[in-house]
C-alpha atoms as a PDB file:
ATOM      1  CA  MET A   1      -0.003  -0.005   0.006  1.00  0.00           C
ATOM      2  CA  GLU A   2       1.408   3.378  -1.035  1.00  0.00           C
ATOM      3  CA  ILE A   3       0.753   5.924   1.741  1.00  0.00           C
ATOM      4  CA  ILE A   4       0.242   9.572   0.778  1.00  0.00           C
ATOM      5  CA  ASP A   5      -0.113  12.171   3.544  1.00  0.00           C
ATOM      6  CA  CYS A   6      -2.459  14.961   2.466  1.00  0.00           C
ATOM      7  CA  HIS A   7      -1.237  17.536   4.997  1.00  0.00           C
ATOM      8  CA  VAL A   8       2.430  18.284   5.654  1.00  0.00           C
ATOM      9  CA  HIS A   9       4.071  21.645   6.382  1.00  0.00           C
ATOM     10  CA  LEU A  10       7.602  22.447   5.290  1.00  0.00           C
ATOM     11  CA  ASN A  11       8.612  25.048   7.861  1.00  0.00           C
ATOM     12  CA  ARG A  12      11.583  26.748   6.239  1.00  0.00           C
ATOM     13  CA  GLN A  13      12.376  28.718   9.386  1.00  0.00           C
ATOM     14  CA  ARG A  14      13.506  25.443  10.989  1.00  0.00           C
ATOM     15  CA  GLU A  15      17.040  24.374  10.103  1.00  0.00           C
ATOM     16  CA  GLY A  16      17.121  21.009   8.371  1.00  0.00           C
ATOM     17  CA  TYR A  17      13.345  21.009   7.891  1.00  0.00           C
ATOM     18  CA  LEU A  18      13.422  19.190   4.566  1.00  0.00           C
ATOM     19  CA  SER A  19      15.713  16.345   5.630  1.00  0.00           C
ATOM     20  CA  GLU A  20      13.744  16.056   8.892  1.00  0.00           C
ATOM     21  CA  MET A  21      10.488  15.546   6.991  1.00  0.00           C
ATOM     22  CA  LEU A  22      12.036  13.021   4.616  1.00  0.00           C
ATOM     23  CA  ARG A  23      13.414  11.059   7.571  1.00  0.00           C
ATOM     24  CA  ILE A  24       9.962  10.940   9.155  1.00  0.00           C
ATOM     25  CA  MET A  25       8.377   9.845   5.910  1.00  0.00           C
ATOM     26  CA  ASP A  26      10.957   7.114   5.338  1.00  0.00           C
ATOM     27  CA  ARG A  27      10.744   5.879   8.948  1.00  0.00           C
ATOM     28  CA  TYR A  28       6.974   5.417   8.755  1.00  0.00           C
ATOM     29  CA  GLU A  29       6.759   4.335   5.106  1.00  0.00           C
ATOM     30  CA  ILE A  30       4.992   7.455   3.826  1.00  0.00           C
ATOM     31  CA  ALA A  31       5.745   7.444   0.124  1.00  0.00           C
ATOM     32  CA  LYS A  32       4.612  10.941  -0.755  1.00  0.00           C
ATOM     33  CA  ALA A  33       2.937  14.000   0.769  1.00  0.00           C
ATOM     34  CA  ILE A  34       0.939  17.063  -0.135  1.00  0.00           C
ATOM     35  CA  VAL A  35       2.975  19.963   1.219  1.00  0.00           C
ATOM     36  CA  PHE A  36       2.380  23.597   2.182  1.00  0.00           C
ATOM     37  CA  PRO A  37       4.751  26.315   3.364  1.00  0.00           C
ATOM     38  CA  GLY A  38       5.115  27.247   7.022  1.00  0.00           C
ATOM     39  CA  THR A  39       2.527  29.373   8.804  1.00  0.00           C
ATOM     40  CA  GLU A  40       2.924  33.041   7.881  1.00  0.00           C
ATOM     41  CA  ILE A  41       0.729  36.003   6.950  1.00  0.00           C
ATOM     42  CA  LEU A  42       2.095  35.609   3.427  1.00  0.00           C
ATOM     43  CA  PRO A  43       3.188  31.959   3.143  1.00  0.00           C
ATOM     44  CA  ASP A  44       6.432  31.485   1.226  1.00  0.00           C
ATOM     45  CA  ASN A  45       5.121  29.380  -1.630  1.00  0.00           C
ATOM     46  CA  PHE A  46       7.973  30.277  -3.974  1.00  0.00           C
ATOM     47  CA  GLY A  47      10.639  29.433  -1.406  1.00  0.00           C
ATOM     48  CA  MET A  48       9.031  26.067  -0.843  1.00  0.00           C
ATOM     49  CA  ALA A  49       8.805  25.445  -4.595  1.00  0.00           C
ATOM     50  CA  ARG A  50      12.544  25.989  -4.961  1.00  0.00           C
ATOM     51  CA  ALA A  51      13.382  23.889  -1.907  1.00  0.00           C
ATOM     52  CA  ILE A  52      11.422  20.815  -2.993  1.00  0.00           C
ATOM     53  CA  GLY A  53      12.692  20.926  -6.586  1.00  0.00           C
ATOM     54  CA  PRO A  54      14.999  17.893  -6.190  1.00  0.00           C
ATOM     55  CA  HIS A  55      12.260  15.965  -4.350  1.00  0.00           C
ATOM     56  CA  ARG A  56       9.215  16.371  -6.563  1.00  0.00           C
ATOM     57  CA  ASP A  57       8.931  12.590  -6.657  1.00  0.00           C
ATOM     58  CA  ARG A  58       8.025  12.768  -2.949  1.00  0.00           C
ATOM     59  CA  PHE A  59       6.235  16.100  -2.552  1.00  0.00           C
ATOM     60  CA  PHE A  60       3.042  17.414  -4.173  1.00  0.00           C
ATOM     61  CA  PRO A  61       2.986  21.200  -3.615  1.00  0.00           C
ATOM     62  CA  PHE A  62      -0.205  23.094  -2.794  1.00  0.00           C
ATOM     63  CA  ALA A  63      -0.245  26.903  -2.844  1.00  0.00           C
ATOM     64  CA  TRP A  64      -1.188  28.344   0.524  1.00  0.00           C
ATOM     65  CA  ILE A  65      -3.028  31.510  -0.518  1.00  0.00           C
ATOM     66  CA  ASN A  66      -4.050  34.441   1.670  1.00  0.00           C
ATOM     67  CA  PRO A  67      -6.766  36.189  -0.400  1.00  0.00           C
ATOM     68  CA  ILE A  68      -7.763  38.878   2.079  1.00  0.00           C
ATOM     69  CA  LEU A  69      -4.866  41.329   1.599  1.00  0.00           C
ATOM     70  CA  ASP A  70      -5.047  41.685  -2.195  1.00  0.00           C
ATOM     71  CA  PRO A  71      -7.349  39.310  -4.133  1.00  0.00           C
ATOM     72  CA  LYS A  72      -5.775  40.204  -7.484  1.00  0.00           C
ATOM     73  CA  LYS A  73      -2.245  39.488  -6.271  1.00  0.00           C
ATOM     74  CA  ALA A  74      -3.523  36.245  -4.766  1.00  0.00           C
ATOM     75  CA  VAL A  75      -4.789  35.131  -8.178  1.00  0.00           C
ATOM     76  CA  ASP A  76      -1.559  36.206  -9.883  1.00  0.00           C
ATOM     77  CA  GLU A  77       0.468  34.227  -7.325  1.00  0.00           C
ATOM     78  CA  LEU A  78      -1.678  31.123  -7.821  1.00  0.00           C
ATOM     79  CA  ARG A  79      -1.323  31.342 -11.592  1.00  0.00           C
ATOM     80  CA  LYS A  80       2.468  31.547 -11.440  1.00  0.00           C
ATOM     81  CA  LEU A  81       2.698  28.698  -8.941  1.00  0.00           C
ATOM     82  CA  VAL A  82       0.550  26.419 -11.075  1.00  0.00           C
ATOM     83  CA  GLU A  83       1.862  27.389 -14.507  1.00  0.00           C
ATOM     84  CA  THR A  84       5.559  27.859 -13.686  1.00  0.00           C
ATOM     85  CA  TYR A  85       6.142  25.568 -10.710  1.00  0.00           C
ATOM     86  CA  GLY A  86       3.541  22.881 -11.319  1.00  0.00           C
ATOM     87  CA  PHE A  87       1.568  23.257  -8.097  1.00  0.00           C
ATOM     88  CA  LEU A  88      -1.283  20.743  -7.889  1.00  0.00           C
ATOM     89  CA  GLY A  89      -3.765  22.357  -5.493  1.00  0.00           C
ATOM     90  CA  MET A  90      -4.539  25.326  -3.282  1.00  0.00           C
ATOM     91  CA  LYS A  91      -5.052  25.759   0.450  1.00  0.00           C
ATOM     92  CA  PHE A  92      -7.136  28.297   2.419  1.00  0.00           C
ATOM     93  CA  HIS A  93      -6.711  28.738   6.187  1.00  0.00           C
ATOM     94  CA  PRO A  94      -9.632  31.054   7.019  1.00  0.00           C
ATOM     95  CA  LEU A  95      -8.921  31.015  10.759  1.00  0.00           C
ATOM     96  CA  PHE A  96      -5.248  31.978  10.615  1.00  0.00           C
ATOM     97  CA  HIS A  97      -5.750  34.616   7.933  1.00  0.00           C
ATOM     98  CA  SER A  98      -9.082  35.877   9.345  1.00  0.00           C
ATOM     99  CA  PHE A  99     -11.472  35.626   6.410  1.00  0.00           C
ATOM    100  CA  TYR A 100     -14.704  33.889   5.555  1.00  0.00           C
ATOM    101  CA  PRO A 101     -14.209  31.175   2.902  1.00  0.00           C
ATOM    102  CA  ASN A 102     -17.308  32.077   0.892  1.00  0.00           C
ATOM    103  CA  ARG A 103     -16.999  35.802   0.153  1.00  0.00           C
ATOM    104  CA  GLU A 104     -16.256  38.032  -2.824  1.00  0.00           C
ATOM    105  CA  TYR A 105     -12.550  38.243  -1.961  1.00  0.00           C
ATOM    106  CA  THR A 106     -12.144  34.474  -2.338  1.00  0.00           C
ATOM    107  CA  ALA A 107     -14.215  34.198  -5.514  1.00  0.00           C
ATOM    108  CA  ARG A 108     -11.470  34.872  -8.073  1.00  0.00           C
ATOM    109  CA  VAL A 109      -9.062  32.431  -6.450  1.00  0.00           C
ATOM    110  CA  VAL A 110     -11.721  29.716  -6.262  1.00  0.00           C
ATOM    111  CA  GLU A 111     -12.731  30.312  -9.875  1.00  0.00           C
ATOM    112  CA  GLN A 112      -9.093  30.075 -10.943  1.00  0.00           C
ATOM    113  CA  CYS A 113      -8.790  26.715  -9.164  1.00  0.00           C
ATOM    114  CA  ILE A 114     -11.864  25.505 -11.023  1.00  0.00           C
ATOM    115  CA  ASP A 115     -10.374  26.635 -14.341  1.00  0.00           C
ATOM    116  CA  TYR A 116      -7.173  24.702 -13.564  1.00  0.00           C
ATOM    117  CA  GLY A 117      -9.121  21.684 -12.311  1.00  0.00           C
ATOM    118  CA  ILE A 118      -7.183  21.619  -9.016  1.00  0.00           C
ATOM    119  CA  PRO A 119      -8.612  20.829  -5.562  1.00  0.00           C
ATOM    120  CA  ILE A 120      -9.117  23.430  -2.823  1.00  0.00           C
ATOM    121  CA  LEU A 121      -8.143  22.338   0.690  1.00  0.00           C
ATOM    122  CA  VAL A 122      -9.768  24.356   3.484  1.00  0.00           C
ATOM    123  CA  HIS A 123      -8.932  24.259   7.181  1.00  0.00           C
ATOM    124  CA  SER A 124     -12.031  23.459   9.229  1.00  0.00           C
ATOM    125  CA  GLY A 125     -12.926  23.352  12.885  1.00  0.00           C
ATOM    126  CA  HIS A 126     -12.889  26.859  14.333  1.00  0.00           C
ATOM    127  CA  ALA A 127     -15.367  29.711  14.634  1.00  0.00           C
ATOM    128  CA  PRO A 128     -15.839  32.329  13.434  1.00  0.00           C
ATOM    129  CA  TYR A 129     -14.214  31.647  10.073  1.00  0.00           C
ATOM    130  CA  SER A 130     -13.877  27.934   9.386  1.00  0.00           C
ATOM    131  CA  THR A 131     -16.902  25.988  10.540  1.00  0.00           C
ATOM    132  CA  PRO A 132     -18.097  23.036   8.429  1.00  0.00           C
ATOM    133  CA  PHE A 133     -21.211  25.058   7.571  1.00  0.00           C
ATOM    134  CA  GLN A 134     -19.191  27.891   6.036  1.00  0.00           C
ATOM    135  CA  ILE A 135     -17.135  25.469   3.974  1.00  0.00           C
ATOM    136  CA  ALA A 136     -20.328  23.731   2.850  1.00  0.00           C
ATOM    137  CA  GLU A 137     -21.623  27.113   1.658  1.00  0.00           C
ATOM    138  CA  LEU A 138     -18.484  27.416  -0.469  1.00  0.00           C
ATOM    139  CA  ALA A 139     -19.115  23.933  -1.873  1.00  0.00           C
ATOM    140  CA  ASP A 140     -22.738  24.886  -2.563  1.00  0.00           C
ATOM    141  CA  ASP A 141     -21.750  28.122  -4.315  1.00  0.00           C
ATOM    142  CA  TYR A 142     -19.205  26.274  -6.471  1.00  0.00           C
ATOM    143  CA  PRO A 143     -20.492  22.732  -7.132  1.00  0.00           C
ATOM    144  CA  GLU A 144     -17.881  22.328  -9.873  1.00  0.00           C
ATOM    145  CA  ALA A 145     -15.045  22.836  -7.355  1.00  0.00           C
ATOM    146  CA  THR A 146     -13.434  19.973  -5.442  1.00  0.00           C
ATOM    147  CA  ILE A 147     -13.336  21.034  -1.785  1.00  0.00           C
ATOM    148  CA  ILE A 148     -11.227  19.142   0.746  1.00  0.00           C
ATOM    149  CA  MET A 149     -12.678  19.880   4.195  1.00  0.00           C
ATOM    150  CA  ASP A 150      -9.574  19.023   6.145  1.00  0.00           C
ATOM    151  CA  HIS A 151      -9.730  18.058   9.843  1.00  0.00           C
ATOM    152  CA  MET A 152     -13.337  16.898   9.213  1.00  0.00           C
ATOM    153  CA  GLY A 153     -14.670  19.657  11.473  1.00  0.00           C
ATOM    154  CA  LEU A 154     -12.035  18.789  14.100  1.00  0.00           C
ATOM    155  CA  GLN A 155     -14.143  19.172  17.253  1.00  0.00           C
ATOM    156  CA  VAL A 156     -16.913  17.271  19.042  1.00  0.00           C
ATOM    157  CA  GLY A 157     -20.189  17.871  17.250  1.00  0.00           C
ATOM    158  CA  TRP A 158     -18.689  19.555  14.225  1.00  0.00           C
ATOM    159  CA  VAL A 159     -17.215  16.265  13.021  1.00  0.00           C
ATOM    160  CA  ASP A 160     -20.738  14.842  12.755  1.00  0.00           C
ATOM    161  CA  ASP A 161     -21.816  18.033  10.989  1.00  0.00           C
ATOM    162  CA  ALA A 162     -18.912  17.720   8.554  1.00  0.00           C
ATOM    163  CA  ILE A 163     -19.952  14.176   7.643  1.00  0.00           C
ATOM    164  CA  LYS A 164     -23.592  15.154   7.189  1.00  0.00           C
ATOM    165  CA  LEU A 165     -22.665  18.130   5.020  1.00  0.00           C
ATOM    166  CA  ALA A 166     -20.305  16.012   2.927  1.00  0.00           C
ATOM    167  CA  LYS A 167     -23.163  13.588   2.303  1.00  0.00           C
ATOM    168  CA  LYS A 168     -25.254  16.522   1.056  1.00  0.00           C
ATOM    169  CA  HIS A 169     -22.464  18.005  -1.105  1.00  0.00           C
ATOM    170  CA  PRO A 170     -20.794  15.440  -3.383  1.00  0.00           C
ATOM    171  CA  ASN A 171     -17.930  17.842  -4.183  1.00  0.00           C
ATOM    172  CA  ILE A 172     -16.677  17.744  -0.562  1.00  0.00           C
ATOM    173  CA  ILE A 173     -13.798  15.429   0.354  1.00  0.00           C
ATOM    174  CA  LEU A 174     -13.098  14.851   4.065  1.00  0.00           C
ATOM    175  CA  GLY A 175      -9.496  14.935   5.327  1.00  0.00           C
ATOM    176  CA  THR A 176      -8.743  13.078   8.560  1.00  0.00           C
ATOM    177  CA  THR A 177      -5.854  15.388   9.530  1.00  0.00           C
ATOM    178  CA  ALA A 178      -5.489  15.755  13.322  1.00  0.00           C
ATOM    179  CA  MET A 179      -9.140  14.836  13.861  1.00  0.00           C
ATOM    180  CA  PRO A 180      -9.121  12.908  17.168  1.00  0.00           C
ATOM    181  CA  PHE A 181     -11.939  10.357  16.727  1.00  0.00           C
ATOM    182  CA  HIS A 182     -11.039   7.099  14.969  1.00  0.00           C
ATOM    183  CA  GLU A 183     -14.646   5.921  14.961  1.00  0.00           C
ATOM    184  CA  LYS A 184     -15.653   9.024  13.000  1.00  0.00           C
ATOM    185  CA  ILE A 185     -13.328   7.970  10.193  1.00  0.00           C
ATOM    186  CA  ARG A 186     -15.290   4.727   9.991  1.00  0.00           C
ATOM    187  CA  LEU A 187     -18.580   6.680  10.092  1.00  0.00           C
ATOM    188  CA  ALA A 188     -17.383   8.980   7.288  1.00  0.00           C
ATOM    189  CA  VAL A 189     -16.441   6.013   5.097  1.00  0.00           C
ATOM    190  CA  ARG A 190     -19.774   4.298   5.767  1.00  0.00           C
ATOM    191  CA  THR A 191     -21.715   7.527   5.118  1.00  0.00           C
ATOM    192  CA  ILE A 192     -20.078   9.033   2.030  1.00  0.00           C
ATOM    193  CA  GLY A 193     -17.862   6.202   0.776  1.00  0.00           C
ATOM    194  CA  ALA A 194     -14.161   5.492   1.107  1.00  0.00           C
ATOM    195  CA  GLU A 195     -13.536   7.306  -2.209  1.00  0.00           C
ATOM    196  CA  ARG A 196     -14.172  10.670  -0.498  1.00  0.00           C
ATOM    197  CA  VAL A 197     -11.998  10.359   2.628  1.00  0.00           C
ATOM    198  CA  ILE A 198      -8.241  11.042   2.662  1.00  0.00           C
ATOM    199  CA  PHE A 199      -5.547  10.597   5.317  1.00  0.00           C
ATOM    200  CA  GLY A 200      -3.507  13.509   6.654  1.00  0.00           C
ATOM    201  CA  SER A 201      -1.239  14.105   9.628  1.00  0.00           C
ATOM    202  CA  ASP A 202      -0.232  17.806   9.962  1.00  0.00           C
ATOM    203  CA  ALA A 203       3.404  16.735  10.251  1.00  0.00           C
ATOM    204  CA  PRO A 204       5.879  17.640  11.549  1.00  0.00           C
ATOM    205  CA  SER A 205       3.929  19.495  14.271  1.00  0.00           C
ATOM    206  CA  ILE A 206       1.768  16.425  14.736  1.00  0.00           C
ATOM    207  CA  HIS A 207       3.531  13.092  14.397  1.00  0.00           C
ATOM    208  CA  PRO A 208       2.119  10.966  11.554  1.00  0.00           C
ATOM    209  CA  LEU A 209       2.255   7.668  13.448  1.00  0.00           C
ATOM    210  CA  PRO A 210      -0.802   8.242  15.727  1.00  0.00           C
ATOM    211  CA  GLU A 211      -2.672   9.783  12.809  1.00  0.00           C
ATOM    212  CA  MET A 212      -2.097   6.640  10.735  1.00  0.00           C
ATOM    213  CA  GLU A 213      -3.078   4.479  13.697  1.00  0.00           C
ATOM    214  CA  LYS A 214      -6.454   6.241  13.909  1.00  0.00           C
ATOM    215  CA  VAL A 215      -7.215   5.152  10.366  1.00  0.00           C
ATOM    216  CA  ARG A 216      -6.122   1.591  11.154  1.00  0.00           C
ATOM    217  CA  LEU A 217      -8.343   1.565  14.243  1.00  0.00           C
ATOM    218  CA  ALA A 218     -11.325   2.558  12.096  1.00  0.00           C
ATOM    219  CA  GLU A 219     -11.465  -1.107  10.971  1.00  0.00           C
ATOM    220  CA  LEU A 220     -11.787  -0.419   7.273  1.00  0.00           C
ATOM    221  CA  SER A 221     -11.524  -3.138   4.671  1.00  0.00           C
ATOM    222  CA  PRO A 222      -8.168  -3.523   2.877  1.00  0.00           C
ATOM    223  CA  GLU A 223      -9.658  -1.902  -0.213  1.00  0.00           C
ATOM    224  CA  GLU A 224     -11.016   1.032   1.807  1.00  0.00           C
ATOM    225  CA  MET A 225      -7.653   1.456   3.559  1.00  0.00           C
ATOM    226  CA  GLU A 226      -5.836   1.706   0.235  1.00  0.00           C
ATOM    227  CA  LEU A 227      -8.240   4.387  -0.974  1.00  0.00           C
ATOM    228  CA  VAL A 228      -8.082   6.489   2.187  1.00  0.00           C
ATOM    229  CA  MET A 229      -4.337   6.150   2.697  1.00  0.00           C
ATOM    230  CA  GLY A 230      -3.250   7.059  -0.817  1.00  0.00           C
ATOM    231  CA  LYS A 231      -5.243   6.067  -3.874  1.00  0.00           C
ATOM    232  CA  ASN A 232      -7.795   8.855  -3.452  1.00  0.00           C
ATOM    233  CA  VAL A 233      -5.111  11.556  -3.437  1.00  0.00           C
ATOM    234  CA  LYS A 234      -3.582  10.161  -6.629  1.00  0.00           C
ATOM    235  CA  ARG A 235      -6.993  10.315  -8.271  1.00  0.00           C
ATOM    236  CA  LEU A 236      -7.703  13.853  -7.013  1.00  0.00           C
ATOM    237  CA  LEU A 237      -4.368  15.066  -8.338  1.00  0.00           C
ATOM    238  CA  LYS A 238      -4.855  13.169 -11.611  1.00  0.00           C
ATOM    239  CA  LEU A 239      -1.784  11.038 -10.956  1.00  0.00           C
ATOM    240  CA  ALA A 240      -3.407   7.588 -11.147  1.00  0.00           C
END
């Protein structure tokens, strides 16, 4: 089984960050990972693109875009990252960057992702900006977009809401990243199908081993495990 982690940060402010992440991946047999830059007001997408150049066989870069400061510049940055550096998706973190995911200032970025046919990963789990309901509104406004609701709502109550909303919106994918309830992974698979659930860790801040163990404890079939742990990401990124 080829394991692909859908949520890894490459924190360039930490010395040896790249070799550290590769060591972790090798130690726990994680073949590849979707990666974002470190947490900043303006994430260093271009620095990350240059750093991972020799390791593109292991890393799938997603642009972490902050649309609130200048929506036009955000679109221009996304275009360059996709067209010049081959980025394969885009991430919003509404909580950290203090914006609502379904507003006019996100529209141009979302529409550009749709034009490129790339998925949009959105942090979920915190009011006032990133509840499952707000992300579902984005999915409703843009049914042609592929929305990864990562963390599956994260918190008690909201995880159930995330699963219910994903059932209602077929363009929502649920990411297990750092979500603490292994039985909810099983519920998500039973409710919306294994094809719409993907594994993530939030490494290196959160160690991938317990995150992988949660999926194993969900008692999925071997076929479901393969989908959740890697095959779904390959399909989403058109790599299969």
